[in-house]
Amino acid sequence: MFKFSSRRFNERLTFREVIMGKVLPQRDHEKRGLRKVPIRYSKSLILLFFLLLSATCLASGGSLEGRVVEHTLKNGMHLLMLPRTGAPVVTLQITFKVGSVDEVEGKTGMAHLFEHMLFKGTTTLGTSDWEAERPIIEEIEAVGEELDALRAAGEGESERSRALLEELAKLQESERRYIVKDEIDAIYSRNGGTGFNAFTTPDMTSYIVSLPAGRVELWASIESARMRDPVLREFYVERDVVKEERRQRREGEPVARMMEELKAAAFTTHPYRNPVIGWPGDLDTLSVKDTRAFYKKYYGPDNAVVTAVGDINPDDFIALCERYFGPIPSSGFRRYPLPSEPKQTEARRVELKLDAEPIAILAYHKPTLPHRDDYVLDVVDGILSYGRSSRLVRSLVEEKKVLTSVSTQNGSPGARYDNLFLLYAEPAPGVTADEALKALREELALLAAIPPTREELERVVRKMEADMVRSLLSDGGLSRRLSYFQTVAGDWRYAEENPRILKTVTPEEVSAVCAKYFAPENETAVLLIPTGGEG
């Protein structure tokens, strides 16, 4: 969904990327010209996609139910195929139902780190001589574990630690002689691949590429090898890369720092409180052994969804997946429910004093899909900040001029578990962050007290539908959303049900839900206070 914002805001890390906890690593292959797939999930975009699906299904004379072909391999891998006429190209995506929400305390950042590691190759990809490289990797693991243990014991500056550092550097230099850097990227590129990338969120990890229709078997060969036989090559080098990535993208960006503080304050026990990229102290101690165990637990075919959208024959694709992925044994992993976050009973407030312009962010706990109130809050999201005619933009940006930028978000930081409704505001010059909070609360109270008109609801839905028809007609867009629904909601058919339910939302429901969730005791506020004083 489009959200009005100032040029000043757009020049920074986008609010959408930050609030969803997205981590999109920039790899060397992007510098070589491969197109990076823009991945910005939001509940509002998902809402728009639901409406797009309705429109495209009507246009094609059938629903998704009749066009999406579904198949599950014996090892549990789930396939979703959507044949589309047009260019002889297929967008292929593997999504694993594992993200930062699945990590244990003390080992945060594991999902994102392993996403990095899967680009390092296998015993046949990324190496010129695996038999020569293998013993070096084993030595690196042993030295690295001993070095981490000394650091954890407070002996990081000891003579033994210094000797181990020197030994580690020599081993890494020896390993580089056998590394074929970015070989998977290069193979895809030589075969017409575009958009080769990956992303990690609190809820999932996904790997994407678009290829000519005649190169789908190449994808099956590479991706089955990565699933079956990954090598944790250059582990400690990559761990340092992630630590620097965290420093640059999180600690150096005010909005990211605010969101990290917000989640940690709003969630006291649930792992949604943890950043996708991990806490600094945890990153320092993530080990090869931990990472390998994480892979074995979560990266089995029974925890994966494959989507293929474009110029494909479903029967041929199923046979191909049976051939390449079928022999991979299931992990047998059983997922257990996480403890629920305790009900918030009083307002929470965090202040950050930085050398930056003031910002205010509000968060309210709410249920996730398929709870009825989640649908209603999708509509509330649209009413509040979808376009220039939305309530917050019209009232606070254009009329009262107390804000220069405003945005809302239903469903942060993830959707597999109950989550947050967010409001973000950048005060106008001379307006403090507290004054911005007051203005936001007044608008929420107004919507809770006086229901919107039916015309206002219908107008928001029409705008969403028009926007989505224009923006999400690509194979990649369809693939990513089908994958999302199957992974988070447990069934891609959620896409077919959503538009019907949204049309049943009433003005009275909107006000009742606002009154229910936008309560003072359910609020968490984070304010950026300029070090030189506000205003």
Protein backbone atom coordinates (compact mmCIF):
# COMPACT_ATOMS: atom_id res chain seq x y z
CA MET A 1 0.00 0.00 0.00
CA PHE A 2 1.22 3.50 -0.83
CA LYS A 3 1.85 5.59 2.24
CA PHE A 4 2.32 9.33 1.99
CA SER A 5 5.66 10.45 3.30
CA SER A 6 8.08 13.27 2.88
CA ARG A 7 11.15 13.21 0.63
CA ARG A 8 13.28 13.41 3.77
CA PHE A 9 11.80 10.13 5.03
CA ASN A 10 12.12 8.34 1.69
CA GLU A 11 15.84 9.03 1.54
CA ARG A 12 16.38 6.89 4.63
CA LEU A 13 15.83 3.19 5.24
CA THR A 14 12.12 2.78 4.52
CA PHE A 15 9.71 2.33 7.39
CA ARG A 16 8.25 -0.72 5.60
CA GLU A 17 11.61 -2.49 5.53
CA VAL A 18 12.36 -1.67 9.14
CA ILE A 19 9.02 -2.58 10.73
CA MET A 20 8.79 -5.96 9.05
CA GLY A 21 12.26 -6.83 10.30
CA LYS A 22 13.37 -7.48 6.75
CA VAL A 23 17.01 -8.24 6.13
CA LEU A 24 17.97 -8.11 2.46
CA PRO A 25 21.70 -8.68 2.09
CA GLN A 26 23.43 -6.92 -0.78
CA ARG A 27 25.70 -9.43 -2.41
CA ASP A 28 28.38 -9.14 -5.04
CA HIS A 29 26.05 -10.50 -7.70
CA GLU A 30 23.97 -7.32 -7.45
CA LYS A 31 27.02 -5.30 -8.44
CA ARG A 32 27.36 -7.44 -11.55
CA GLY A 33 23.96 -6.32 -12.76
CA LEU A 34 21.56 -9.03 -11.67
CA ARG A 35 18.29 -7.38 -10.76
CA LYS A 36 17.59 -7.39 -7.05
CA VAL A 37 14.01 -8.39 -6.31
CA PRO A 38 12.31 -5.71 -4.19
CA ILE A 39 10.70 -7.55 -1.29
CA ARG A 40 8.54 -5.43 0.95
CA TYR A 41 5.80 -7.45 2.56
CA SER A 42 3.14 -5.69 4.54
CA LYS A 43 -0.33 -6.60 5.64
CA SER A 44 -1.61 -3.76 3.50
CA LEU A 45 0.15 -5.10 0.40
CA ILE A 46 -1.29 -8.51 1.16
CA LEU A 47 -4.72 -6.93 1.40
CA LEU A 48 -4.21 -5.34 -2.00
CA PHE A 49 -3.11 -8.64 -3.43
CA PHE A 50 -6.32 -10.31 -2.27
CA LEU A 51 -8.26 -7.81 -4.30
CA LEU A 52 -5.99 -8.23 -7.30
CA LEU A 53 -6.59 -11.96 -7.23
CA SER A 54 -10.32 -11.39 -7.35
CA ALA A 55 -9.93 -9.10 -10.34
CA THR A 56 -7.58 -11.37 -12.28
CA CYS A 57 -9.64 -14.45 -11.55
CA LEU A 58 -12.78 -12.76 -12.87
CA ALA A 59 -10.89 -11.67 -15.95
CA SER A 60 -9.64 -15.18 -16.65
CA GLY A 61 -12.99 -16.83 -16.00
CA GLY A 62 -11.98 -18.84 -12.96
CA SER A 63 -10.75 -18.63 -9.39
CA LEU A 64 -7.31 -19.44 -8.10
CA GLU A 65 -8.77 -22.70 -6.84
CA GLY A 66 -9.02 -23.84 -10.42
CA ARG A 67 -5.68 -22.46 -11.58
CA VAL A 68 -3.19 -23.17 -8.80
CA VAL A 69 -1.94 -26.74 -8.97
CA GLU A 70 -0.96 -28.17 -5.59
CA HIS A 71 1.13 -31.24 -4.85
CA THR A 72 2.98 -32.62 -1.83
CA LEU A 73 5.99 -34.90 -2.22
CA LYS A 74 6.26 -37.98 -0.01
CA ASN A 75 8.93 -36.23 2.06
CA GLY A 76 6.51 -33.40 2.85
CA MET A 77 7.71 -30.70 0.43
CA HIS A 78 4.71 -28.66 -0.70
CA LEU A 79 4.49 -27.46 -4.32
CA LEU A 80 2.31 -24.61 -5.59
CA MET A 81 2.25 -24.10 -9.36
CA LEU A 82 0.50 -21.34 -11.27
CA PRO A 83 0.88 -21.62 -15.06
CA ARG A 84 0.66 -18.25 -16.83
CA THR A 85 0.87 -17.47 -20.51
CA GLY A 86 3.22 -14.78 -21.75
CA ALA A 87 6.99 -14.64 -21.64
CA PRO A 88 8.81 -18.02 -21.49
CA VAL A 89 10.02 -17.31 -17.96
CA VAL A 90 9.36 -18.94 -14.59
CA THR A 91 9.74 -17.39 -11.14
CA LEU A 92 10.81 -20.05 -8.65
CA GLN A 93 10.84 -19.67 -4.90
CA ILE A 94 11.61 -21.91 -1.95
CA THR A 95 10.30 -20.69 1.39
CA PHE A 96 11.16 -22.31 4.69
CA LYS A 97 8.89 -21.78 7.67
CA VAL A 98 11.69 -20.54 9.86
CA GLY A 99 12.65 -17.05 10.91
CA SER A 100 13.88 -15.18 13.92
CA VAL A 101 10.74 -16.15 15.83
CA ASP A 102 12.02 -19.75 15.88
CA GLU A 103 15.35 -18.91 17.50
CA VAL A 104 16.11 -19.55 21.14
CA GLU A 105 17.33 -16.93 23.57
CA GLY A 106 21.07 -16.47 23.38
CA LYS A 107 21.25 -17.59 19.74
CA THR A 108 19.39 -14.82 17.94
CA GLY A 109 20.41 -14.00 14.39
CA MET A 110 20.77 -17.68 13.45
CA ALA A 111 18.10 -17.70 10.71
CA HIS A 112 19.62 -14.69 8.97
CA LEU A 113 23.17 -15.99 9.31
CA PHE A 114 22.22 -19.33 7.77
CA GLU A 115 20.53 -17.49 4.92
CA HIS A 116 23.95 -15.97 4.20
CA MET A 117 25.67 -19.35 4.49
CA LEU A 118 23.42 -21.03 1.95
CA PHE A 119 24.94 -18.79 -0.74
CA LYS A 120 28.37 -20.26 0.01
CA GLY A 121 27.68 -23.45 -1.91
CA THR A 122 27.87 -27.19 -1.43
CA THR A 123 30.46 -29.93 -1.77
CA THR A 124 30.25 -29.48 -5.56
CA LEU A 125 29.35 -25.79 -5.87
CA GLY A 126 31.63 -23.02 -4.65
CA THR A 127 34.76 -25.15 -4.47
CA SER A 128 37.50 -26.16 -6.88
CA ASP A 129 38.58 -29.16 -4.78
CA TRP A 130 36.28 -30.26 -1.96
CA GLU A 131 38.54 -33.05 -0.75
CA ALA A 132 41.39 -30.57 -0.25
CA GLU A 133 39.16 -27.88 1.23
CA ARG A 134 37.28 -30.11 3.68
CA PRO A 135 40.05 -30.69 6.26
CA ILE A 136 40.83 -26.97 6.28
CA ILE A 137 37.19 -26.17 7.06
CA GLU A 138 37.26 -28.71 9.90
CA GLU A 139 40.38 -27.07 11.35
CA ILE A 140 38.77 -23.63 11.05
CA GLU A 141 35.75 -24.87 12.98
CA ALA A 142 37.90 -26.27 15.80
CA VAL A 143 40.02 -23.12 16.10
CA GLY A 144 36.98 -20.85 15.94
CA GLU A 145 35.15 -22.74 18.68
CA GLU A 146 38.15 -22.59 21.00
CA LEU A 147 38.58 -18.89 20.32
CA ASP A 148 34.89 -18.20 21.04
CA ALA A 149 35.14 -20.16 24.30
CA LEU A 150 38.12 -18.07 25.43
CA ARG A 151 36.28 -14.85 24.60
CA ALA A 152 33.22 -16.04 26.51
CA ALA A 153 35.46 -16.71 29.52
CA GLY A 154 36.88 -13.19 29.36
CA GLU A 155 40.20 -14.34 27.91
CA GLY A 156 39.84 -12.77 24.48
CA GLU A 157 43.09 -10.82 24.89
CA SER A 158 45.14 -13.72 26.25
CA GLU A 159 48.27 -15.01 24.57
CA ARG A 160 46.41 -18.17 23.57
CA SER A 161 43.64 -16.12 21.94
CA ARG A 162 46.14 -14.09 19.95
CA ALA A 163 47.82 -17.27 18.75
CA LEU A 164 44.46 -18.73 17.72
CA LEU A 165 43.60 -15.56 15.81
CA GLU A 166 46.80 -15.86 13.82
CA GLU A 167 46.15 -19.54 13.16
CA LEU A 168 42.58 -18.79 12.07
CA ALA A 169 43.76 -16.14 9.61
CA LYS A 170 46.27 -18.56 8.06
CA LEU A 171 43.65 -21.29 7.72
CA GLN A 172 41.19 -18.89 6.11
CA GLU A 173 43.85 -17.83 3.64
CA SER A 174 44.49 -21.49 2.79
CA GLU A 175 40.78 -22.10 2.31
CA ARG A 176 40.47 -19.21 -0.15
CA ARG A 177 42.67 -21.08 -2.62
CA TYR A 178 39.82 -23.54 -3.17
CA ILE A 179 36.82 -21.20 -3.00
CA VAL A 180 35.00 -20.39 -6.24
CA LYS A 181 33.36 -17.16 -5.16
CA ASP A 182 29.67 -16.62 -6.01
CA GLU A 183 29.56 -19.67 -8.27
CA ILE A 184 25.81 -20.19 -7.85
CA ASP A 185 25.16 -16.55 -8.77
CA ALA A 186 27.38 -16.90 -11.82
CA ILE A 187 25.70 -20.10 -13.03
CA TYR A 188 22.24 -18.57 -12.79
CA SER A 189 23.45 -15.41 -14.52
CA ARG A 190 25.01 -17.32 -17.42
CA ASN A 191 21.71 -19.12 -17.91
CA GLY A 192 19.54 -16.01 -18.05
CA GLY A 193 18.65 -15.84 -14.37
CA THR A 194 17.46 -12.60 -12.81
CA GLY A 195 16.43 -11.55 -9.33
CA PHE A 196 18.50 -14.19 -7.53
CA ASN A 197 18.17 -13.23 -3.89
CA ALA A 198 16.92 -14.21 -0.47
CA PHE A 199 15.29 -12.61 2.53
CA THR A 200 14.75 -13.43 6.18
CA THR A 201 11.83 -12.18 8.28
CA PRO A 202 10.60 -13.07 11.76
CA ASP A 203 8.32 -15.67 10.14
CA MET A 204 10.20 -17.20 7.20
CA THR A 205 13.28 -17.44 5.01
CA SER A 206 12.94 -17.45 1.24
CA TYR A 207 15.15 -17.92 -1.83
CA ILE A 208 14.07 -16.59 -5.23
CA VAL A 209 15.18 -16.59 -8.85
CA SER A 210 13.56 -16.11 -12.25
CA LEU A 211 14.81 -18.27 -15.12
CA PRO A 212 13.97 -19.03 -18.74
CA ALA A 213 11.44 -21.85 -18.89
CA GLY A 214 14.04 -24.15 -20.40
CA ARG A 215 16.35 -23.76 -17.38
CA VAL A 216 14.01 -24.98 -14.63
CA GLU A 217 15.93 -28.24 -14.27
CA LEU A 218 19.06 -26.22 -13.53
CA TRP A 219 17.19 -24.60 -10.63
CA ALA A 220 16.07 -28.00 -9.31
CA SER A 221 19.63 -29.31 -9.46
CA ILE A 222 21.15 -26.33 -7.64
CA GLU A 223 18.47 -25.84 -5.00
CA SER A 224 18.17 -29.52 -4.12
CA ALA A 225 21.94 -29.58 -3.63
CA ARG A 226 21.76 -26.55 -1.35
CA MET A 227 18.98 -28.19 0.66
CA ARG A 228 20.70 -31.57 0.87
CA ASP A 229 24.37 -30.72 1.13
CA PRO A 230 25.24 -27.16 2.20
CA VAL A 231 28.77 -26.32 3.27
CA LEU A 232 29.33 -23.70 5.98
CA ARG A 233 32.16 -22.16 4.02
CA GLU A 234 33.87 -18.99 5.37
CA PHE A 235 31.65 -19.17 8.46
CA TYR A 236 33.60 -16.80 10.70
CA VAL A 237 34.17 -14.35 7.85
CA GLU A 238 30.45 -14.26 7.17
CA ARG A 239 29.63 -13.92 10.86
CA ASP A 240 31.77 -10.77 10.91
CA VAL A 241 29.96 -9.53 7.79
CA VAL A 242 26.63 -9.90 9.57
CA LYS A 243 27.93 -8.08 12.64
CA GLU A 244 29.01 -5.17 10.45
CA GLU A 245 25.70 -5.31 8.60
CA ARG A 246 23.92 -4.96 11.92
CA ARG A 247 26.06 -1.99 12.89
CA GLN A 248 25.42 -0.18 9.62
CA ARG A 249 21.76 -1.00 9.05
CA ARG A 250 20.46 -1.03 12.59
CA GLU A 251 22.67 0.94 14.93
CA GLY A 252 23.31 3.68 12.38
CA GLU A 253 19.65 4.23 11.39
CA PRO A 254 17.34 6.05 13.85
CA VAL A 255 14.11 4.36 12.71
CA ALA A 256 15.72 0.93 12.94
CA ARG A 257 16.98 1.67 16.44
CA MET A 258 13.52 2.84 17.45
CA MET A 259 11.88 -0.31 16.09
CA GLU A 260 14.35 -2.49 17.95
CA GLU A 261 13.51 -0.67 21.18
CA LEU A 262 9.80 -0.81 20.40
CA LYS A 263 9.67 -4.57 19.88
CA ALA A 264 11.78 -5.23 22.96
CA ALA A 265 9.39 -3.10 25.03
CA ALA A 266 6.11 -4.30 23.52
CA PHE A 267 7.01 -8.01 23.72
CA THR A 268 8.32 -9.02 27.12
CA THR A 269 8.62 -12.77 26.47
CA HIS A 270 7.60 -13.61 22.90
CA PRO A 271 10.51 -13.95 20.42
CA TYR A 272 8.98 -11.28 18.18
CA ARG A 273 10.92 -9.02 20.53
CA ASN A 274 14.22 -10.08 18.94
CA PRO A 275 15.71 -8.42 15.84
CA VAL A 276 16.01 -10.60 12.75
CA ILE A 277 19.69 -9.77 12.48
CA GLY A 278 20.26 -10.79 16.11
CA TRP A 279 21.49 -9.13 19.27
CA PRO A 280 25.19 -8.14 19.23
CA GLY A 281 26.23 -10.42 22.10
CA ASP A 282 24.54 -13.41 20.48
CA LEU A 283 26.22 -12.85 17.11
CA ASP A 284 29.61 -12.99 18.81
CA THR A 285 29.05 -16.57 19.93
CA LEU A 286 27.04 -18.25 17.14
CA SER A 287 28.97 -21.40 16.27
CA VAL A 288 29.28 -23.75 13.33
CA LYS A 289 27.79 -26.49 15.49
CA ASP A 290 24.77 -24.32 16.38
CA THR A 291 24.26 -23.35 12.75
CA ARG A 292 24.49 -26.92 11.50
CA ALA A 293 21.92 -28.05 14.09
CA PHE A 294 19.63 -25.19 13.06
CA TYR A 295 19.86 -26.29 9.42
CA LYS A 296 19.08 -29.92 10.22
CA LYS A 297 16.06 -28.93 12.27
CA TYR A 298 14.40 -26.40 9.99
CA TYR A 299 15.69 -26.85 6.43
CA GLY A 300 14.12 -30.21 5.63
CA PRO A 301 11.72 -30.58 2.69
CA ASP A 302 8.83 -31.05 5.10
CA ASN A 303 9.29 -27.44 6.26
CA ALA A 304 9.47 -26.00 2.73
CA VAL A 305 7.02 -24.51 0.26
CA VAL A 306 8.00 -24.29 -3.41
CA THR A 307 6.16 -21.90 -5.71
CA ALA A 308 6.54 -21.84 -9.49
CA VAL A 309 4.72 -19.16 -11.46
CA GLY A 310 5.00 -18.61 -15.20
CA ASP A 311 5.59 -20.76 -18.27
CA ILE A 312 5.44 -24.20 -16.66
CA ASN A 313 3.72 -27.52 -17.16
CA PRO A 314 2.63 -28.71 -13.68
CA ASP A 315 3.02 -32.42 -14.46
CA ASP A 316 6.56 -31.89 -15.74
CA PHE A 317 7.43 -29.70 -12.77
CA ILE A 318 6.13 -32.27 -10.28
CA ALA A 319 8.19 -34.98 -11.97
CA LEU A 320 11.26 -32.75 -11.86
CA CYS A 321 10.81 -32.06 -8.14
CA GLU A 322 10.22 -35.75 -7.45
CA ARG A 323 13.51 -36.52 -9.19
CA TYR A 324 15.68 -33.89 -7.49
CA PHE A 325 14.00 -33.18 -4.14
CA GLY A 326 12.17 -36.47 -3.60
CA PRO A 327 15.22 -38.43 -2.36
CA ILE A 328 15.94 -35.85 0.38
CA PRO A 329 14.59 -37.29 3.65
CA SER A 330 12.18 -35.28 5.75
CA SER A 331 13.53 -33.85 8.98
CA GLY A 332 10.72 -35.27 11.08
CA PHE A 333 10.63 -31.94 12.87
CA ARG A 334 7.62 -31.30 15.12
CA ARG A 335 6.73 -27.70 15.84
CA TYR A 336 5.45 -26.86 19.30
CA PRO A 337 3.39 -23.75 20.06
CA LEU A 338 5.18 -20.81 21.62
CA PRO A 339 3.92 -19.38 24.91
CA SER A 340 1.56 -16.45 24.40
CA GLU A 341 2.73 -12.94 25.20
CA PRO A 342 1.22 -11.85 28.55
CA LYS A 343 -1.57 -9.31 28.22
CA GLN A 344 -0.28 -5.76 28.47
CA THR A 345 -1.94 -3.92 31.36
CA GLU A 346 -0.27 -0.52 31.37
CA ALA A 347 1.22 1.94 28.91
CA ARG A 348 4.92 1.61 28.06
CA ARG A 349 7.21 4.39 26.91
CA VAL A 350 10.79 4.47 25.62
CA GLU A 351 12.77 7.60 24.80
CA LEU A 352 15.84 7.66 22.58
CA LYS A 353 17.98 10.77 22.60
CA LEU A 354 19.87 11.06 19.33
CA ASP A 355 21.31 13.70 17.06
CA ALA A 356 18.37 13.44 14.66
CA GLU A 357 14.95 14.91 13.91
CA PRO A 358 12.08 13.90 16.26
CA ILE A 359 10.03 10.81 15.44
CA ALA A 360 7.12 9.13 17.24
CA ILE A 361 6.02 5.51 16.91
CA LEU A 362 2.96 3.96 18.58
CA ALA A 363 2.20 0.23 18.84
CA TYR A 364 -0.85 -1.69 20.01
CA HIS A 365 -1.14 -5.44 20.57
CA LYS A 366 -3.70 -7.22 18.41
CA PRO A 367 -4.54 -10.72 17.10
CA THR A 368 -3.21 -12.09 13.84
CA LEU A 369 -5.04 -13.78 10.98
CA PRO A 370 -7.55 -15.35 10.69
CA HIS A 371 -9.12 -13.50 13.65
CA ARG A 372 -12.01 -11.31 12.52
CA ASP A 373 -10.48 -8.23 14.16
CA ASP A 374 -7.39 -8.60 11.99
CA TYR A 375 -9.53 -8.12 8.88
CA VAL A 376 -11.14 -5.07 10.43
CA LEU A 377 -7.74 -3.60 11.27
CA ASP A 378 -6.69 -4.04 7.63
CA VAL A 379 -9.53 -1.68 6.80
CA VAL A 380 -8.51 0.66 9.62
CA ASP A 381 -4.99 0.72 8.20
CA GLY A 382 -6.40 1.90 4.88
CA ILE A 383 -8.70 4.49 6.42
CA LEU A 384 -5.89 6.02 8.44
CA SER A 385 -3.06 6.31 5.95
CA TYR A 386 -3.82 5.07 2.45
CA GLY A 387 -3.11 8.02 0.18
CA ARG A 388 -3.53 11.76 0.45
CA SER A 389 -7.25 11.54 1.19
CA SER A 390 -6.71 9.25 4.19
CA ARG A 391 -7.55 10.59 7.62
CA LEU A 392 -4.08 11.00 9.09
CA VAL A 393 -2.57 12.53 5.96
CA ARG A 394 -5.48 14.88 5.33
CA SER A 395 -5.87 15.99 8.94
CA LEU A 396 -2.36 15.98 10.40
CA VAL A 397 -0.16 16.58 7.35
CA GLU A 398 -2.21 18.78 5.04
CA GLU A 399 -4.70 20.61 7.28
CA LYS A 400 -3.19 20.97 10.75
CA LYS A 401 0.39 20.65 9.45
CA VAL A 402 1.65 19.06 12.66
CA LEU A 403 3.32 16.21 10.77
CA THR A 404 5.43 16.00 7.64
CA SER A 405 5.09 12.22 7.30
CA VAL A 406 2.73 9.58 8.65
CA SER A 407 2.26 5.86 8.10
CA THR A 408 0.42 2.93 9.67
CA GLN A 409 1.00 -0.81 9.58
CA ASN A 410 -1.26 -3.68 10.55
CA GLY A 411 0.73 -6.78 11.42
CA SER A 412 4.26 -6.09 12.62
CA PRO A 413 6.75 -7.65 13.01
CA GLY A 414 5.24 -10.92 11.70
CA ALA A 415 1.93 -12.69 11.19
CA ARG A 416 2.41 -16.25 12.41
CA TYR A 417 1.58 -15.04 15.92
CA ASP A 418 -0.36 -12.18 17.46
CA ASN A 419 1.35 -8.94 16.55
CA LEU A 420 1.20 -5.14 16.57
CA PHE A 421 -0.64 -2.31 14.85
CA LEU A 422 1.84 0.53 14.32
CA LEU A 423 1.63 4.26 13.71
CA TYR A 424 4.67 6.26 12.63
CA ALA A 425 4.91 10.05 12.58
CA GLU A 426 7.53 12.66 11.75
CA PRO A 427 6.62 15.98 13.40
CA ALA A 428 6.67 19.23 11.45
CA PRO A 429 9.32 21.81 12.39
CA GLY A 430 8.56 23.23 15.82
CA VAL A 431 6.37 20.23 16.80
CA THR A 432 7.67 17.81 19.44
CA ALA A 433 7.42 14.03 19.37
CA ASP A 434 5.01 14.18 22.32
CA GLU A 435 2.78 16.61 20.44
CA ALA A 436 2.81 14.24 17.48
CA LEU A 437 1.75 11.39 19.78
CA LYS A 438 -1.10 13.48 21.12
CA ALA A 439 -2.31 14.23 17.60
CA LEU A 440 -2.23 10.55 16.64
CA ARG A 441 -4.15 9.53 19.75
CA GLU A 442 -6.83 12.13 19.06
CA GLU A 443 -7.39 10.76 15.56
CA LEU A 444 -7.62 7.20 16.89
CA ALA A 445 -10.11 8.30 19.55
CA LEU A 446 -12.20 10.03 16.89
CA LEU A 447 -12.38 6.89 14.76
CA ALA A 448 -13.27 4.84 17.84
CA ALA A 449 -16.07 7.25 18.79
CA ILE A 450 -17.59 7.97 15.37
CA PRO A 451 -17.87 5.17 12.79
CA PRO A 452 -16.70 5.93 9.26
CA THR A 453 -19.28 6.14 6.53
CA ARG A 454 -19.96 3.21 4.24
CA GLU A 455 -18.78 5.41 1.36
CA GLU A 456 -15.42 5.90 3.07
CA LEU A 457 -14.96 2.15 3.50
CA GLU A 458 -15.85 1.43 -0.11
CA ARG A 459 -13.57 4.18 -1.37
CA VAL A 460 -10.60 2.70 0.48
CA VAL A 461 -11.26 -0.76 -0.94
CA ARG A 462 -11.58 0.60 -4.49
CA LYS A 463 -8.27 2.43 -4.18
CA MET A 464 -6.57 -0.70 -2.91
CA GLU A 465 -7.92 -2.75 -5.78
CA ALA A 466 -6.85 -0.23 -8.42
CA ASP A 467 -3.38 0.08 -6.92
CA MET A 468 -2.86 -3.66 -6.82
CA VAL A 469 -4.03 -4.22 -10.39
CA ARG A 470 -1.34 -1.78 -11.49
CA SER A 471 1.48 -2.97 -9.28
CA LEU A 472 1.29 -6.73 -8.70
CA LEU A 473 0.75 -8.44 -12.03
CA SER A 474 4.23 -9.98 -12.17
CA ASP A 475 5.07 -13.64 -11.79
CA GLY A 476 7.38 -12.69 -8.94
CA GLY A 477 4.64 -10.87 -7.07
CA LEU A 478 2.26 -13.80 -7.37
CA SER A 479 4.94 -16.28 -6.33
CA ARG A 480 5.94 -14.35 -3.24
CA ARG A 481 2.40 -13.87 -2.02
CA LEU A 482 1.27 -17.44 -2.64
CA SER A 483 4.33 -18.57 -0.73
CA TYR A 484 3.56 -16.12 2.05
CA PHE A 485 -0.04 -17.29 2.49
CA GLN A 486 0.92 -20.95 2.52
CA THR A 487 3.70 -20.40 5.03
CA VAL A 488 2.06 -17.97 7.43
CA ALA A 489 -1.64 -18.77 7.13
CA GLY A 490 -1.12 -22.47 6.44
CA ASP A 491 -3.15 -22.33 3.23
CA TRP A 492 -2.78 -20.18 0.11
CA ARG A 493 -6.60 -20.24 -0.20
CA TYR A 494 -6.65 -17.54 2.44
CA ALA A 495 -6.19 -15.25 -0.57
CA GLU A 496 -9.58 -16.25 -1.95
CA GLU A 497 -11.42 -15.84 1.35
CA ASN A 498 -10.04 -12.45 2.32
CA PRO A 499 -11.82 -10.19 -0.22
CA ARG A 500 -15.21 -11.61 0.71
CA ILE A 501 -14.64 -11.02 4.41
CA LEU A 502 -13.33 -7.49 3.91
CA LYS A 503 -16.53 -6.55 2.11
CA THR A 504 -18.52 -7.57 5.20
CA VAL A 505 -16.68 -5.19 7.56
CA THR A 506 -19.10 -2.57 8.87
CA PRO A 507 -18.53 1.00 10.05
CA GLU A 508 -19.64 -0.01 13.52
CA GLU A 509 -17.05 -2.80 13.61
CA VAL A 510 -14.32 -0.34 12.70
CA SER A 511 -15.13 1.88 15.65
CA ALA A 512 -15.58 -1.02 18.05
CA VAL A 513 -12.23 -2.57 17.12
CA CYS A 514 -10.46 0.79 17.41
CA ALA A 515 -11.92 1.28 20.88
CA LYS A 516 -10.93 -2.27 21.86
CA TYR A 517 -7.27 -2.18 20.83
CA PHE A 518 -6.25 1.50 20.79
CA ALA A 519 -6.55 1.70 24.56
CA PRO A 520 -3.97 3.49 26.77
CA GLU A 521 -3.09 0.34 28.70
CA ASN A 522 -2.38 -1.49 25.41
CA GLU A 523 -0.01 1.16 24.06
CA THR A 524 3.76 1.14 23.64
CA ALA A 525 5.33 4.42 22.53
CA VAL A 526 8.87 5.10 21.38
CA LEU A 527 10.02 8.68 20.92
CA LEU A 528 13.15 10.03 19.31
CA ILE A 529 14.13 13.15 21.25
CA PRO A 530 16.77 15.32 19.53
CA THR A 531 19.82 15.76 21.74
CA GLY A 532 19.66 19.51 21.18
CA GLY A 533 16.04 19.68 22.30
CA GLU A 534 12.83 19.31 20.32
CA GLY A 535 11.22 21.91 18.15
